[in-house]
Structures are given as C-alpha cells and as structure tokens.
C-alpha cells in the first residue's frame, strides 16, 4: 500500500491503521510532515519510507513499483489543490 503524504498528521494515522495487515510504502517530502509521526514503524519489515515529492516522476515510479495499492493523503496548499483519496 502506497501512502503519499504519510509522514503528515492524517497520513501517519492511515499508516498506523494499515501496517498490521499490509506492506506500507510512504512517499513524503517532509515539507510539512515529520518522521517523528512514523518513528514507531521504522524498524517494521512491512514499512518502507521514500523521501521525495510526488511531482518527481522517477520517485513516484519507484514508490509504485514497491506497492500494490495507493492511499493519497497529500495536500497541496501552494497550488490550492487538496487531494485525498
């Protein structure tokens, strides 16, 4: 399961709910999120963190290749787009 924005407040709670039953890949640029929100998962074999922006095609491809499903909790305040799937 790919969680974009997974280091943020909402995204980290999504990770908390998914980690027991799914392999979770978090993609986050840490611009507003924090690794502190994911600290309890860092040593979990089901958890992978990729630091980067979803605007980077190469990073998104890598994240998608490592995951099977997508949960988007990313927020774009600077472009007035707030996305949540």
C-alpha atoms as a PDB file:
ATOM      1  CA  UNK A   1       0.000   0.000   0.000  1.00  0.00           C
ATOM      2  CA  UNK A   2       1.459   3.360  -1.037  1.00  0.00           C
ATOM      3  CA  UNK A   3       0.580   6.270   1.239  1.00  0.00           C
ATOM      4  CA  UNK A   4       1.555   9.655  -0.173  1.00  0.00           C
ATOM      5  CA  UNK A   5       1.965  12.311   2.478  1.00  0.00           C
ATOM      6  CA  UNK A   6       2.344   9.509   5.010  1.00  0.00           C
ATOM      7  CA  UNK A   7       4.538  11.497   7.397  1.00  0.00           C
ATOM      8  CA  UNK A   8       1.834  14.093   7.970  1.00  0.00           C
ATOM      9  CA  UNK A   9      -0.782  14.012  10.704  1.00  0.00           C
ATOM     10  CA  UNK A  10      -3.513  12.349   8.638  1.00  0.00           C
ATOM     11  CA  UNK A  11      -1.182  10.164   6.569  1.00  0.00           C
ATOM     12  CA  UNK A  12       0.648   8.797   9.610  1.00  0.00           C
ATOM     13  CA  UNK A  13      -2.668   7.707  11.134  1.00  0.00           C
ATOM     14  CA  UNK A  14      -3.507   5.918   7.894  1.00  0.00           C
ATOM     15  CA  UNK A  15      -0.144   4.150   8.121  1.00  0.00           C
ATOM     16  CA  UNK A  16      -0.917   3.204  11.744  1.00  0.00           C
ATOM     17  CA  UNK A  17      -4.140   1.504  10.614  1.00  0.00           C
ATOM     18  CA  UNK A  18      -2.644  -0.297   7.611  1.00  0.00           C
ATOM     19  CA  UNK A  19       0.709  -1.533   8.907  1.00  0.00           C
ATOM     20  CA  UNK A  20      -0.617  -4.610  10.727  1.00  0.00           C
ATOM     21  CA  UNK A  21      -2.220  -6.085   7.598  1.00  0.00           C
ATOM     22  CA  UNK A  22      -0.336  -4.521   4.664  1.00  0.00           C
ATOM     23  CA  UNK A  23       3.133  -3.739   3.484  1.00  0.00           C
ATOM     24  CA  UNK A  24       3.203   0.059   3.564  1.00  0.00           C
ATOM     25  CA  UNK A  25       5.328   2.366   1.407  1.00  0.00           C
ATOM     26  CA  UNK A  26       5.285   6.026   2.459  1.00  0.00           C
ATOM     27  CA  UNK A  27       6.234   8.741  -0.022  1.00  0.00           C
ATOM     28  CA  UNK A  28       6.680  12.142   1.602  1.00  0.00           C
ATOM     29  CA  UNK A  29       8.954  15.140   1.083  1.00  0.00           C
ATOM     30  CA  UNK A  30       8.783  16.054   4.792  1.00  0.00           C
ATOM     31  CA  UNK A  31       7.915  19.661   3.935  1.00  0.00           C
ATOM     32  CA  UNK A  32       5.040  19.627   6.420  1.00  0.00           C
ATOM     33  CA  UNK A  33       5.201  16.082   7.793  1.00  0.00           C
ATOM     34  CA  UNK A  34       7.727  14.628  10.219  1.00  0.00           C
ATOM     35  CA  UNK A  35       9.489  11.318  10.658  1.00  0.00           C
ATOM     36  CA  UNK A  36       8.506  11.639  14.322  1.00  0.00           C
ATOM     37  CA  UNK A  37       4.988  10.653  13.199  1.00  0.00           C
ATOM     38  CA  UNK A  38       6.367   7.394  11.762  1.00  0.00           C
ATOM     39  CA  UNK A  39       9.035   6.590  14.350  1.00  0.00           C
ATOM     40  CA  UNK A  40       7.192   3.537  15.693  1.00  0.00           C
ATOM     41  CA  UNK A  41       7.243   1.934  12.224  1.00  0.00           C
ATOM     42  CA  UNK A  42      10.850   2.500  11.163  1.00  0.00           C
ATOM     43  CA  UNK A  43      12.027  -0.966  12.262  1.00  0.00           C
ATOM     44  CA  UNK A  44       8.932  -2.761  10.938  1.00  0.00           C
ATOM     45  CA  UNK A  45       9.696  -5.052   7.990  1.00  0.00           C
ATOM     46  CA  UNK A  46       6.346  -4.071   6.437  1.00  0.00           C
ATOM     47  CA  UNK A  47       7.351  -0.377   6.328  1.00  0.00           C
ATOM     48  CA  UNK A  48       9.329   1.471   3.642  1.00  0.00           C
ATOM     49  CA  UNK A  49       9.908   5.235   3.574  1.00  0.00           C
ATOM     50  CA  UNK A  50      10.827   7.109   0.402  1.00  0.00           C
ATOM     51  CA  UNK A  51      11.675  10.789   0.775  1.00  0.00           C
ATOM     52  CA  UNK A  52      10.595  12.763  -2.255  1.00  0.00           C
ATOM     53  CA  UNK A  53       7.884  14.753  -3.986  1.00  0.00           C
ATOM     54  CA  UNK A  54       5.012  13.286  -5.960  1.00  0.00           C
ATOM     55  CA  UNK A  55       5.924  15.731  -8.713  1.00  0.00           C
ATOM     56  CA  UNK A  56       9.062  13.659  -9.384  1.00  0.00           C
ATOM     57  CA  UNK A  57       8.183  11.031 -11.974  1.00  0.00           C
ATOM     58  CA  UNK A  58      11.162   8.807 -11.119  1.00  0.00           C
ATOM     59  CA  UNK A  59      10.395   8.801  -7.398  1.00  0.00           C
ATOM     60  CA  UNK A  60       6.703   8.094  -7.984  1.00  0.00           C
ATOM     61  CA  UNK A  61       7.577   5.190 -10.300  1.00  0.00           C
ATOM     62  CA  UNK A  62       9.858   3.741  -7.631  1.00  0.00           C
ATOM     63  CA  UNK A  63       7.154   4.079  -4.986  1.00  0.00           C
ATOM     64  CA  UNK A  64       4.508   2.496  -7.204  1.00  0.00           C
ATOM     65  CA  UNK A  65       6.800  -0.416  -8.042  1.00  0.00           C
ATOM     66  CA  UNK A  66       7.209  -1.111  -4.319  1.00  0.00           C
ATOM     67  CA  UNK A  67       3.483  -1.034  -3.562  1.00  0.00           C
ATOM     68  CA  UNK A  68       0.241  -2.650  -4.658  1.00  0.00           C
ATOM     69  CA  UNK A  69      -2.356  -0.001  -3.808  1.00  0.00           C
ATOM     70  CA  UNK A  70      -2.475   3.770  -3.268  1.00  0.00           C
ATOM     71  CA  UNK A  71      -3.825   5.923  -0.462  1.00  0.00           C
ATOM     72  CA  UNK A  72      -3.301   9.619  -1.118  1.00  0.00           C
ATOM     73  CA  UNK A  73      -3.242  11.932   1.859  1.00  0.00           C
ATOM     74  CA  UNK A  74      -1.103  14.579   0.184  1.00  0.00           C
ATOM     75  CA  UNK A  75      -2.129  18.205   0.479  1.00  0.00           C
ATOM     76  CA  UNK A  76      -1.033  20.924  -1.956  1.00  0.00           C
ATOM     77  CA  UNK A  77      -1.627  24.208  -0.234  1.00  0.00           C
ATOM     78  CA  UNK A  78       0.628  26.179  -2.556  1.00  0.00           C
ATOM     79  CA  UNK A  79      -1.410  25.203  -5.667  1.00  0.00           C
ATOM     80  CA  UNK A  80      -4.811  25.391  -3.932  1.00  0.00           C
ATOM     81  CA  UNK A  81      -5.337  21.680  -4.547  1.00  0.00           C
ATOM     82  CA  UNK A  82      -6.165  19.463  -1.616  1.00  0.00           C
ATOM     83  CA  UNK A  83      -6.190  15.803  -2.609  1.00  0.00           C
ATOM     84  CA  UNK A  84      -7.457  12.893  -0.573  1.00  0.00           C
ATOM     85  CA  UNK A  85      -8.446   9.500  -1.930  1.00  0.00           C
END
